[in-house]
Amino acid sequence: MARQREFDENKALDAAMRLFWERGFEATSLSELTARMGIQRPSLYAAYGDKKGLFEAALRKYTGTHIANIRSILQSSTSVKEVFRALFEEITAKEHGNNPNRGCFCINTMVELAPHDEKFEVLTREHQMYLSAIFQETIERGRRSGELKVDIEAKCLAQTLVVSLIGLTVILKSRPEQVFVDRSIEGILSLLR
């Protein structure tokens, strides 16, 4: 019979995710993780295998929540142009305002681990593809409603918007002036015209 966990796994994973998000994989020590999670090393190993297993679980939690939030924003209005504007403005407001150095956990992983670790290369690429699929669904909805031109290449435009979102999120870590951010968003959204 499996032993019941002696800690709240959801809270502990959330704490680990936030620490990895702040510091990255390499800069985060096991001692920092166990202290932040409120658990001992044997519990961490029993639940996640090792630090990399914990990081993977944290990344999966983040990407699941991130996709759900983006889907919610993109379904918040019938106007496709409005929902994409809302998405870009909300993400840039969060990244530019609260914790500009933190960035997006998945993008940080793309930069730190994906070039050297096949598992994280696949996980971050999957996240990009999920985003692209959600964007494509939204663009196709705009084509059906007549808000967007019928001849728009939905898949190509969706992928371009994903690349734009990732690029803008990375740029925000350097704390550009707000006018730069606003003009960039306008340029990106002009692709929907």
N, C-alpha and C. Protein backbone atom coordinates (compact mmCIF):
# COMPACT_ATOMS: atom_id res chain seq x y z
N MET A 1 0.84 -1.18 0.00
CA MET A 1 0.00 0.00 0.00
C MET A 1 0.89 1.24 0.00
N ALA A 2 0.59 2.19 -0.86
CA ALA A 2 1.37 3.42 -0.97
C ALA A 2 1.14 4.31 0.23
N ARG A 3 2.22 4.93 0.69
CA ARG A 3 2.10 5.86 1.81
C ARG A 3 1.46 7.15 1.35
N GLN A 4 0.62 7.70 2.21
CA GLN A 4 -0.01 8.98 1.91
C GLN A 4 1.01 10.09 2.11
N ARG A 5 0.99 11.08 1.24
CA ARG A 5 1.90 12.21 1.34
C ARG A 5 1.65 12.95 2.65
N GLU A 6 2.76 13.35 3.28
CA GLU A 6 2.66 14.06 4.55
C GLU A 6 2.72 15.57 4.36
N PHE A 7 2.49 16.03 3.13
CA PHE A 7 2.50 17.45 2.84
C PHE A 7 1.49 17.73 1.75
N ASP A 8 1.09 18.98 1.65
CA ASP A 8 0.15 19.38 0.61
C ASP A 8 0.93 19.50 -0.69
N GLU A 9 0.78 18.51 -1.54
CA GLU A 9 1.58 18.44 -2.77
C GLU A 9 1.33 19.64 -3.68
N ASN A 10 0.09 20.10 -3.76
CA ASN A 10 -0.23 21.23 -4.62
C ASN A 10 0.46 22.51 -4.13
N LYS A 11 0.42 22.76 -2.83
CA LYS A 11 1.08 23.95 -2.27
C LYS A 11 2.59 23.86 -2.41
N ALA A 12 3.13 22.66 -2.16
CA ALA A 12 4.58 22.48 -2.27
C ALA A 12 5.05 22.67 -3.72
N LEU A 13 4.29 22.13 -4.67
CA LEU A 13 4.65 22.27 -6.08
C LEU A 13 4.54 23.73 -6.51
N ASP A 14 3.52 24.42 -6.02
CA ASP A 14 3.38 25.84 -6.33
C ASP A 14 4.57 26.63 -5.80
N ALA A 15 5.01 26.32 -4.59
CA ALA A 15 6.17 27.00 -4.00
C ALA A 15 7.44 26.72 -4.82
N ALA A 16 7.62 25.48 -5.25
CA ALA A 16 8.78 25.12 -6.06
C ALA A 16 8.72 25.85 -7.40
N MET A 17 7.53 25.88 -8.01
CA MET A 17 7.38 26.55 -9.29
C MET A 17 7.78 28.01 -9.17
N ARG A 18 7.33 28.69 -8.14
CA ARG A 18 7.65 30.10 -7.97
C ARG A 18 9.16 30.32 -7.76
N LEU A 19 9.78 29.43 -7.03
CA LEU A 19 11.23 29.57 -6.81
C LEU A 19 12.00 29.31 -8.10
N PHE A 20 11.66 28.25 -8.82
CA PHE A 20 12.31 27.99 -10.11
C PHE A 20 12.07 29.16 -11.06
N TRP A 21 10.88 29.71 -11.03
CA TRP A 21 10.51 30.83 -11.91
C TRP A 21 11.38 32.05 -11.60
N GLU A 22 11.62 32.30 -10.32
CA GLU A 22 12.43 33.45 -9.90
C GLU A 22 13.90 33.26 -10.23
N ARG A 23 14.41 32.03 -10.01
CA ARG A 23 15.85 31.82 -10.05
C ARG A 23 16.35 30.97 -11.21
N GLY A 24 15.48 30.18 -11.82
CA GLY A 24 15.91 29.25 -12.86
C GLY A 24 16.30 27.91 -12.26
N PHE A 25 16.53 26.94 -13.12
CA PHE A 25 16.86 25.59 -12.66
C PHE A 25 18.23 25.53 -11.98
N GLU A 26 19.24 25.97 -12.69
CA GLU A 26 20.61 25.83 -12.18
C GLU A 26 20.86 26.61 -10.90
N ALA A 27 20.30 27.80 -10.79
CA ALA A 27 20.57 28.67 -9.64
C ALA A 27 19.76 28.30 -8.41
N THR A 28 18.87 27.34 -8.52
CA THR A 28 18.04 26.95 -7.39
C THR A 28 18.61 25.69 -6.75
N SER A 29 18.92 25.78 -5.46
CA SER A 29 19.49 24.62 -4.76
C SER A 29 18.40 23.76 -4.13
N LEU A 30 18.74 22.52 -3.85
CA LEU A 30 17.80 21.62 -3.18
C LEU A 30 17.43 22.16 -1.80
N SER A 31 18.39 22.76 -1.11
CA SER A 31 18.10 23.33 0.22
C SER A 31 17.07 24.44 0.12
N GLU A 32 17.22 25.30 -0.88
CA GLU A 32 16.24 26.38 -1.07
C GLU A 32 14.87 25.79 -1.39
N LEU A 33 14.85 24.78 -2.24
CA LEU A 33 13.58 24.16 -2.62
C LEU A 33 12.86 23.55 -1.43
N THR A 34 13.58 22.73 -0.65
CA THR A 34 12.93 22.07 0.48
C THR A 34 12.47 23.09 1.53
N ALA A 35 13.26 24.14 1.72
CA ALA A 35 12.86 25.19 2.67
C ALA A 35 11.60 25.89 2.18
N ARG A 36 11.56 26.27 0.92
CA ARG A 36 10.40 26.98 0.37
C ARG A 36 9.17 26.08 0.33
N MET A 37 9.38 24.79 0.03
CA MET A 37 8.26 23.86 -0.07
C MET A 37 7.78 23.38 1.29
N GLY A 38 8.62 23.55 2.33
CA GLY A 38 8.26 23.09 3.66
C GLY A 38 8.31 21.58 3.80
N ILE A 39 9.26 20.94 3.07
CA ILE A 39 9.39 19.48 3.14
C ILE A 39 10.86 19.11 3.31
N GLN A 40 11.10 17.84 3.58
CA GLN A 40 12.46 17.32 3.69
C GLN A 40 12.87 16.68 2.37
N ARG A 41 14.17 16.52 2.17
CA ARG A 41 14.66 15.93 0.91
C ARG A 41 14.07 14.56 0.61
N PRO A 42 13.95 13.66 1.59
CA PRO A 42 13.36 12.35 1.26
C PRO A 42 11.94 12.47 0.68
N SER A 43 11.17 13.44 1.16
CA SER A 43 9.81 13.65 0.64
C SER A 43 9.87 14.16 -0.79
N LEU A 44 10.82 15.06 -1.08
CA LEU A 44 10.99 15.56 -2.44
C LEU A 44 11.35 14.42 -3.38
N TYR A 45 12.32 13.59 -2.96
CA TYR A 45 12.73 12.47 -3.81
C TYR A 45 11.61 11.47 -4.00
N ALA A 46 10.85 11.20 -2.95
CA ALA A 46 9.74 10.23 -3.05
C ALA A 46 8.65 10.74 -3.99
N ALA A 47 8.39 12.03 -3.96
CA ALA A 47 7.30 12.59 -4.76
C ALA A 47 7.72 12.87 -6.21
N TYR A 48 8.96 13.31 -6.43
CA TYR A 48 9.35 13.80 -7.75
C TYR A 48 10.58 13.10 -8.35
N GLY A 49 11.24 12.28 -7.60
CA GLY A 49 12.43 11.58 -8.10
C GLY A 49 13.71 12.36 -7.85
N ASP A 50 13.78 13.55 -8.38
CA ASP A 50 14.96 14.40 -8.20
C ASP A 50 14.59 15.84 -8.55
N LYS A 51 15.58 16.71 -8.54
CA LYS A 51 15.35 18.13 -8.81
C LYS A 51 14.77 18.33 -10.21
N LYS A 52 15.28 17.60 -11.19
CA LYS A 52 14.79 17.73 -12.56
C LYS A 52 13.34 17.26 -12.67
N GLY A 53 12.99 16.20 -11.95
CA GLY A 53 11.60 15.73 -11.94
C GLY A 53 10.67 16.75 -11.32
N LEU A 54 11.14 17.40 -10.26
CA LEU A 54 10.36 18.47 -9.62
C LEU A 54 10.20 19.64 -10.58
N PHE A 55 11.28 20.00 -11.26
CA PHE A 55 11.21 21.10 -12.23
C PHE A 55 10.22 20.78 -13.33
N GLU A 56 10.25 19.56 -13.83
CA GLU A 56 9.31 19.16 -14.88
C GLU A 56 7.87 19.27 -14.40
N ALA A 57 7.61 18.80 -13.17
CA ALA A 57 6.25 18.90 -12.61
C ALA A 57 5.82 20.36 -12.47
N ALA A 58 6.75 21.21 -12.04
CA ALA A 58 6.46 22.65 -11.90
C ALA A 58 6.17 23.28 -13.26
N LEU A 59 6.97 22.92 -14.26
CA LEU A 59 6.76 23.46 -15.60
C LEU A 59 5.42 23.01 -16.17
N ARG A 60 5.08 21.74 -15.98
CA ARG A 60 3.80 21.23 -16.47
C ARG A 60 2.63 21.95 -15.78
N LYS A 61 2.78 22.21 -14.49
CA LYS A 61 1.73 22.95 -13.77
C LYS A 61 1.59 24.35 -14.36
N TYR A 62 2.71 25.01 -14.58
CA TYR A 62 2.69 26.36 -15.14
C TYR A 62 2.05 26.37 -16.53
N THR A 63 2.49 25.48 -17.41
CA THR A 63 1.99 25.51 -18.79
C THR A 63 0.50 25.19 -18.83
N GLY A 64 0.04 24.29 -17.97
CA GLY A 64 -1.39 23.99 -17.92
C GLY A 64 -2.21 25.21 -17.51
N THR A 65 -1.74 25.90 -16.50
CA THR A 65 -2.43 27.11 -16.05
C THR A 65 -2.34 28.21 -17.09
N HIS A 66 -1.18 28.36 -17.71
CA HIS A 66 -0.96 29.40 -18.72
C HIS A 66 -1.90 29.20 -19.91
N ILE A 67 -1.99 27.98 -20.39
CA ILE A 67 -2.88 27.67 -21.52
C ILE A 67 -4.33 27.96 -21.14
N ALA A 68 -4.75 27.55 -19.96
CA ALA A 68 -6.13 27.79 -19.52
C ALA A 68 -6.43 29.28 -19.45
N ASN A 69 -5.48 30.08 -18.95
CA ASN A 69 -5.68 31.53 -18.86
C ASN A 69 -5.78 32.16 -20.24
N ILE A 70 -4.91 31.74 -21.14
CA ILE A 70 -4.94 32.30 -22.49
C ILE A 70 -6.23 31.92 -23.20
N ARG A 71 -6.63 30.66 -23.07
CA ARG A 71 -7.89 30.22 -23.68
C ARG A 71 -9.06 31.04 -23.15
N SER A 72 -9.06 31.30 -21.85
CA SER A 72 -10.12 32.10 -21.23
C SER A 72 -10.17 33.51 -21.81
N ILE A 73 -9.02 34.14 -21.96
CA ILE A 73 -8.96 35.48 -22.54
C ILE A 73 -9.47 35.46 -23.97
N LEU A 74 -9.02 34.48 -24.75
CA LEU A 74 -9.39 34.42 -26.16
C LEU A 74 -10.87 34.07 -26.38
N GLN A 75 -11.53 33.57 -25.35
CA GLN A 75 -12.95 33.26 -25.46
C GLN A 75 -13.82 34.30 -24.76
N SER A 76 -13.20 35.38 -24.28
CA SER A 76 -13.92 36.36 -23.47
C SER A 76 -14.80 37.32 -24.27
N SER A 77 -14.66 37.33 -25.59
CA SER A 77 -15.45 38.23 -26.43
C SER A 77 -15.62 37.59 -27.80
N THR A 78 -16.64 38.03 -28.52
CA THR A 78 -16.83 37.51 -29.86
C THR A 78 -15.86 38.17 -30.84
N SER A 79 -15.36 39.33 -30.51
CA SER A 79 -14.42 40.03 -31.41
C SER A 79 -13.02 39.45 -31.26
N VAL A 80 -12.53 38.85 -32.34
CA VAL A 80 -11.20 38.27 -32.35
C VAL A 80 -10.13 39.34 -32.16
N LYS A 81 -10.30 40.48 -32.80
CA LYS A 81 -9.32 41.55 -32.66
C LYS A 81 -9.27 42.05 -31.22
N GLU A 82 -10.42 42.15 -30.58
CA GLU A 82 -10.46 42.60 -29.18
C GLU A 82 -9.78 41.61 -28.25
N VAL A 83 -10.02 40.30 -28.48
CA VAL A 83 -9.43 39.32 -27.55
C VAL A 83 -7.91 39.23 -27.71
N PHE A 84 -7.42 39.36 -28.94
CA PHE A 84 -5.96 39.36 -29.10
C PHE A 84 -5.35 40.62 -28.48
N ARG A 85 -6.02 41.76 -28.62
CA ARG A 85 -5.53 42.98 -27.97
C ARG A 85 -5.52 42.78 -26.44
N ALA A 86 -6.61 42.23 -25.92
CA ALA A 86 -6.69 41.99 -24.47
C ALA A 86 -5.57 41.05 -24.01
N LEU A 87 -5.31 40.03 -24.80
CA LEU A 87 -4.25 39.07 -24.45
C LEU A 87 -2.89 39.75 -24.40
N PHE A 88 -2.52 40.45 -25.46
CA PHE A 88 -1.20 41.09 -25.50
C PHE A 88 -1.08 42.16 -24.42
N GLU A 89 -2.13 42.92 -24.20
CA GLU A 89 -2.07 43.97 -23.19
C GLU A 89 -1.99 43.38 -21.78
N GLU A 90 -2.74 42.32 -21.52
CA GLU A 90 -2.71 41.72 -20.18
C GLU A 90 -1.35 41.10 -19.89
N ILE A 91 -0.83 40.37 -20.85
CA ILE A 91 0.47 39.73 -20.63
C ILE A 91 1.57 40.78 -20.47
N THR A 92 1.56 41.80 -21.28
CA THR A 92 2.61 42.81 -21.15
C THR A 92 2.43 43.63 -19.88
N ALA A 93 1.20 43.87 -19.47
CA ALA A 93 0.99 44.60 -18.21
C ALA A 93 1.53 43.79 -17.04
N LYS A 94 1.28 42.49 -17.04
CA LYS A 94 1.80 41.63 -15.96
C LYS A 94 3.31 41.60 -15.97
N GLU A 95 3.88 41.37 -17.13
CA GLU A 95 5.33 41.23 -17.24
C GLU A 95 6.05 42.56 -17.04
N HIS A 96 5.49 43.63 -17.54
CA HIS A 96 6.14 44.94 -17.48
C HIS A 96 5.97 45.57 -16.11
N GLY A 97 4.84 45.28 -15.47
CA GLY A 97 4.54 45.96 -14.23
C GLY A 97 5.05 45.29 -12.97
N ASN A 98 4.65 44.05 -12.76
CA ASN A 98 4.89 43.41 -11.47
C ASN A 98 6.31 42.88 -11.28
N ASN A 99 6.69 41.96 -12.09
CA ASN A 99 7.98 41.30 -11.95
C ASN A 99 8.67 41.22 -13.30
N PRO A 100 9.17 42.30 -13.81
CA PRO A 100 9.71 42.29 -15.16
C PRO A 100 10.90 41.34 -15.34
N ASN A 101 11.62 41.07 -14.30
CA ASN A 101 12.78 40.18 -14.44
C ASN A 101 12.39 38.71 -14.47
N ARG A 102 11.20 38.40 -13.99
CA ARG A 102 10.78 37.01 -13.91
C ARG A 102 10.43 36.46 -15.28
N GLY A 103 9.73 37.22 -16.10
CA GLY A 103 9.35 36.75 -17.43
C GLY A 103 8.36 35.61 -17.38
N CYS A 104 8.34 34.84 -18.43
CA CYS A 104 7.47 33.67 -18.55
C CYS A 104 8.29 32.44 -18.18
N PHE A 105 7.78 31.62 -17.28
CA PHE A 105 8.49 30.44 -16.82
C PHE A 105 8.84 29.51 -17.98
N CYS A 106 7.90 29.32 -18.90
CA CYS A 106 8.15 28.42 -20.03
C CYS A 106 9.22 29.01 -20.97
N ILE A 107 9.16 30.30 -21.23
CA ILE A 107 10.16 30.92 -22.09
C ILE A 107 11.53 30.89 -21.41
N ASN A 108 11.56 31.11 -20.12
CA ASN A 108 12.83 31.02 -19.39
C ASN A 108 13.43 29.61 -19.54
N THR A 109 12.57 28.60 -19.49
CA THR A 109 13.01 27.22 -19.65
C THR A 109 13.51 26.98 -21.07
N MET A 110 12.82 27.58 -22.05
CA MET A 110 13.25 27.48 -23.44
C MET A 110 14.68 27.97 -23.59
N VAL A 111 14.99 29.05 -22.90
CA VAL A 111 16.32 29.66 -23.02
C VAL A 111 17.35 28.89 -22.19
N GLU A 112 16.99 28.52 -20.96
CA GLU A 112 17.97 27.91 -20.05
C GLU A 112 18.21 26.43 -20.33
N LEU A 113 17.16 25.65 -20.52
CA LEU A 113 17.32 24.20 -20.58
C LEU A 113 17.10 23.56 -21.94
N ALA A 114 16.19 24.10 -22.73
CA ALA A 114 15.84 23.44 -24.00
C ALA A 114 17.03 23.22 -24.94
N PRO A 115 17.99 24.15 -25.02
CA PRO A 115 19.12 23.90 -25.92
C PRO A 115 19.99 22.72 -25.51
N HIS A 116 19.90 22.29 -24.24
CA HIS A 116 20.80 21.27 -23.72
C HIS A 116 20.08 20.02 -23.22
N ASP A 117 18.76 20.04 -23.19
CA ASP A 117 18.02 18.92 -22.62
C ASP A 117 16.82 18.61 -23.51
N GLU A 118 16.83 17.45 -24.10
CA GLU A 118 15.79 17.09 -25.07
C GLU A 118 14.39 17.09 -24.46
N LYS A 119 14.27 16.65 -23.22
CA LYS A 119 12.95 16.62 -22.58
C LYS A 119 12.34 18.02 -22.51
N PHE A 120 13.16 19.00 -22.13
CA PHE A 120 12.64 20.36 -22.00
C PHE A 120 12.51 21.04 -23.36
N GLU A 121 13.28 20.61 -24.31
CA GLU A 121 13.08 21.07 -25.68
C GLU A 121 11.69 20.66 -26.16
N VAL A 122 11.34 19.40 -25.91
CA VAL A 122 10.03 18.88 -26.33
C VAL A 122 8.90 19.56 -25.55
N LEU A 123 9.05 19.67 -24.23
CA LEU A 123 7.99 20.28 -23.41
C LEU A 123 7.72 21.73 -23.80
N THR A 124 8.77 22.49 -24.04
CA THR A 124 8.56 23.91 -24.40
C THR A 124 8.02 24.02 -25.83
N ARG A 125 8.44 23.14 -26.71
CA ARG A 125 7.90 23.15 -28.08
C ARG A 125 6.42 22.77 -28.06
N GLU A 126 6.06 21.80 -27.22
CA GLU A 126 4.64 21.43 -27.10
C GLU A 126 3.81 22.62 -26.66
N HIS A 127 4.33 23.39 -25.71
CA HIS A 127 3.60 24.57 -25.24
C HIS A 127 3.41 25.58 -26.37
N GLN A 128 4.44 25.77 -27.16
CA GLN A 128 4.33 26.67 -28.32
C GLN A 128 3.25 26.17 -29.28
N MET A 129 3.19 24.86 -29.48
CA MET A 129 2.22 24.30 -30.41
C MET A 129 0.79 24.42 -29.86
N TYR A 130 0.63 24.24 -28.53
CA TYR A 130 -0.69 24.45 -27.93
C TYR A 130 -1.14 25.89 -28.12
N LEU A 131 -0.23 26.82 -27.86
CA LEU A 131 -0.57 28.23 -28.06
C LEU A 131 -0.96 28.49 -29.51
N SER A 132 -0.18 27.94 -30.43
CA SER A 132 -0.46 28.13 -31.85
C SER A 132 -1.84 27.57 -32.21
N ALA A 133 -2.18 26.41 -31.68
CA ALA A 133 -3.48 25.80 -31.97
C ALA A 133 -4.62 26.66 -31.44
N ILE A 134 -4.47 27.19 -30.23
CA ILE A 134 -5.50 28.05 -29.65
C ILE A 134 -5.62 29.34 -30.45
N PHE A 135 -4.50 29.91 -30.85
CA PHE A 135 -4.53 31.12 -31.66
C PHE A 135 -5.20 30.83 -33.01
N GLN A 136 -4.86 29.70 -33.61
CA GLN A 136 -5.45 29.34 -34.90
C GLN A 136 -6.96 29.17 -34.79
N GLU A 137 -7.43 28.51 -33.73
CA GLU A 137 -8.88 28.37 -33.52
C GLU A 137 -9.55 29.74 -33.46
N THR A 138 -8.91 30.66 -32.76
CA THR A 138 -9.47 32.00 -32.60
C THR A 138 -9.49 32.74 -33.93
N ILE A 139 -8.43 32.64 -34.69
CA ILE A 139 -8.37 33.29 -36.01
C ILE A 139 -9.44 32.70 -36.94
N GLU A 140 -9.59 31.38 -36.91
CA GLU A 140 -10.60 30.74 -37.76
C GLU A 140 -12.01 31.18 -37.35
N ARG A 141 -12.21 31.40 -36.06
CA ARG A 141 -13.49 31.93 -35.59
C ARG A 141 -13.74 33.31 -36.19
N GLY A 142 -12.68 34.13 -36.25
CA GLY A 142 -12.79 35.47 -36.84
C GLY A 142 -13.06 35.42 -38.34
N ARG A 143 -12.49 34.43 -39.01
CA ARG A 143 -12.77 34.26 -40.45
C ARG A 143 -14.22 33.87 -40.67
N ARG A 144 -14.73 32.94 -39.85
CA ARG A 144 -16.12 32.49 -40.00
C ARG A 144 -17.12 33.61 -39.72
N SER A 145 -16.78 34.47 -38.76
CA SER A 145 -17.70 35.55 -38.40
C SER A 145 -17.64 36.72 -39.39
N GLY A 146 -16.60 36.73 -40.21
CA GLY A 146 -16.43 37.84 -41.16
C GLY A 146 -15.60 38.98 -40.62
N GLU A 147 -15.15 38.86 -39.37
CA GLU A 147 -14.33 39.92 -38.79
C GLU A 147 -12.94 39.95 -39.45
N LEU A 148 -12.43 38.79 -39.81
CA LEU A 148 -11.13 38.69 -40.49
C LEU A 148 -11.36 38.24 -41.93
N LYS A 149 -10.42 38.60 -42.79
CA LYS A 149 -10.53 38.21 -44.20
C LYS A 149 -10.49 36.69 -44.33
N VAL A 150 -11.25 36.17 -45.25
CA VAL A 150 -11.33 34.74 -45.48
C VAL A 150 -10.00 34.17 -45.97
N ASP A 151 -9.22 34.98 -46.69
CA ASP A 151 -7.98 34.48 -47.27
C ASP A 151 -6.78 34.52 -46.31
N ILE A 152 -7.00 34.89 -45.06
CA ILE A 152 -5.92 34.88 -44.07
C ILE A 152 -5.48 33.43 -43.84
N GLU A 153 -4.19 33.21 -43.86
CA GLU A 153 -3.63 31.89 -43.55
C GLU A 153 -3.61 31.73 -42.03
N ALA A 154 -4.62 31.07 -41.49
CA ALA A 154 -4.80 31.01 -40.04
C ALA A 154 -3.62 30.38 -39.31
N LYS A 155 -3.10 29.28 -39.83
CA LYS A 155 -1.99 28.59 -39.16
C LYS A 155 -0.74 29.46 -39.16
N CYS A 156 -0.41 30.04 -40.29
CA CYS A 156 0.78 30.90 -40.40
C CYS A 156 0.65 32.12 -39.48
N LEU A 157 -0.50 32.75 -39.49
CA LEU A 157 -0.72 33.92 -38.65
C LEU A 157 -0.65 33.53 -37.17
N ALA A 158 -1.23 32.40 -36.81
CA ALA A 158 -1.19 31.93 -35.42
C ALA A 158 0.26 31.73 -34.96
N GLN A 159 1.07 31.09 -35.79
CA GLN A 159 2.46 30.87 -35.43
C GLN A 159 3.23 32.19 -35.33
N THR A 160 2.92 33.12 -36.20
CA THR A 160 3.57 34.43 -36.16
C THR A 160 3.20 35.16 -34.87
N LEU A 161 1.94 35.06 -34.46
CA LEU A 161 1.51 35.70 -33.21
C LEU A 161 2.17 35.05 -31.99
N VAL A 162 2.37 33.75 -32.03
CA VAL A 162 3.06 33.07 -30.92
C VAL A 162 4.51 33.57 -30.84
N VAL A 163 5.19 33.62 -31.97
CA VAL A 163 6.57 34.11 -32.00
C VAL A 163 6.61 35.57 -31.50
N SER A 164 5.66 36.36 -31.91
CA SER A 164 5.60 37.77 -31.47
C SER A 164 5.39 37.87 -29.97
N LEU A 165 4.50 37.03 -29.44
CA LEU A 165 4.23 37.05 -28.01
C LEU A 165 5.47 36.64 -27.22
N ILE A 166 6.14 35.59 -27.68
CA ILE A 166 7.36 35.13 -27.01
C ILE A 166 8.43 36.23 -27.07
N GLY A 167 8.63 36.81 -28.24
CA GLY A 167 9.63 37.86 -28.39
C GLY A 167 9.34 39.06 -27.51
N LEU A 168 8.09 39.48 -27.48
CA LEU A 168 7.72 40.63 -26.67
C LEU A 168 7.93 40.32 -25.18
N THR A 169 7.60 39.11 -24.77
CA THR A 169 7.79 38.72 -23.37
C THR A 169 9.27 38.76 -22.99
N VAL A 170 10.13 38.31 -23.88
CA VAL A 170 11.57 38.35 -23.62
C VAL A 170 12.06 39.80 -23.55
N ILE A 171 11.63 40.63 -24.48
CA ILE A 171 12.02 42.05 -24.50
C ILE A 171 11.62 42.75 -23.20
N LEU A 172 10.48 42.38 -22.63
CA LEU A 172 9.99 43.03 -21.42
C LEU A 172 10.95 42.85 -20.24
N LYS A 173 11.77 41.81 -20.28
CA LYS A 173 12.74 41.61 -19.20
C LYS A 173 13.78 42.73 -19.14
N SER A 174 13.96 43.46 -20.25
CA SER A 174 14.91 44.57 -20.27
C SER A 174 14.25 45.90 -19.91
N ARG A 175 12.98 45.85 -19.53
CA ARG A 175 12.23 47.03 -19.08
C ARG A 175 12.23 48.17 -20.10
N PRO A 176 11.73 47.90 -21.30
CA PRO A 176 11.67 48.98 -22.30
C PRO A 176 10.65 50.04 -21.88
N GLU A 177 10.74 51.19 -22.50
CA GLU A 177 9.77 52.24 -22.22
C GLU A 177 8.38 51.78 -22.68
N GLN A 178 7.36 52.26 -22.00
CA GLN A 178 5.99 51.84 -22.30
C GLN A 178 5.61 52.16 -23.74
N VAL A 179 6.09 53.27 -24.26
CA VAL A 179 5.76 53.64 -25.64
C VAL A 179 6.29 52.59 -26.62
N PHE A 180 7.45 52.03 -26.34
CA PHE A 180 8.01 50.96 -27.17
C PHE A 180 7.10 49.73 -27.13
N VAL A 181 6.64 49.38 -25.94
CA VAL A 181 5.75 48.22 -25.78
C VAL A 181 4.44 48.47 -26.52
N ASP A 182 3.85 49.65 -26.33
CA ASP A 182 2.57 49.97 -26.97
C ASP A 182 2.68 49.93 -28.49
N ARG A 183 3.75 50.49 -29.02
CA ARG A 183 3.93 50.48 -30.48
C ARG A 183 4.15 49.06 -31.00
N SER A 184 4.86 48.27 -30.23
CA SER A 184 5.08 46.88 -30.63
C SER A 184 3.77 46.11 -30.69
N ILE A 185 2.92 46.32 -29.69
CA ILE A 185 1.62 45.65 -29.68
C ILE A 185 0.79 46.08 -30.89
N GLU A 186 0.80 47.38 -31.19
CA GLU A 186 0.06 47.86 -32.35
C GLU A 186 0.56 47.21 -33.64
N GLY A 187 1.88 47.10 -33.76
CA GLY A 187 2.45 46.47 -34.94
C GLY A 187 2.06 45.00 -35.05
N ILE A 188 2.09 44.31 -33.93
CA ILE A 188 1.69 42.89 -33.93
C ILE A 188 0.22 42.74 -34.30
N LEU A 189 -0.63 43.56 -33.69
CA LEU A 189 -2.07 43.45 -33.95
C LEU A 189 -2.44 43.88 -35.35
N SER A 190 -1.58 44.66 -35.98
CA SER A 190 -1.88 45.07 -37.37
C SER A 190 -1.90 43.86 -38.30
N LEU A 191 -1.31 42.76 -37.90
CA LEU A 191 -1.33 41.54 -38.69
C LEU A 191 -2.75 40.98 -38.83
N LEU A 192 -3.63 41.38 -37.92
CA LEU A 192 -5.02 40.88 -37.95
C LEU A 192 -5.91 41.70 -38.89
N ARG A 193 -5.40 42.78 -39.44
CA ARG A 193 -6.21 43.64 -40.30
C ARG A 193 -6.39 43.04 -41.68
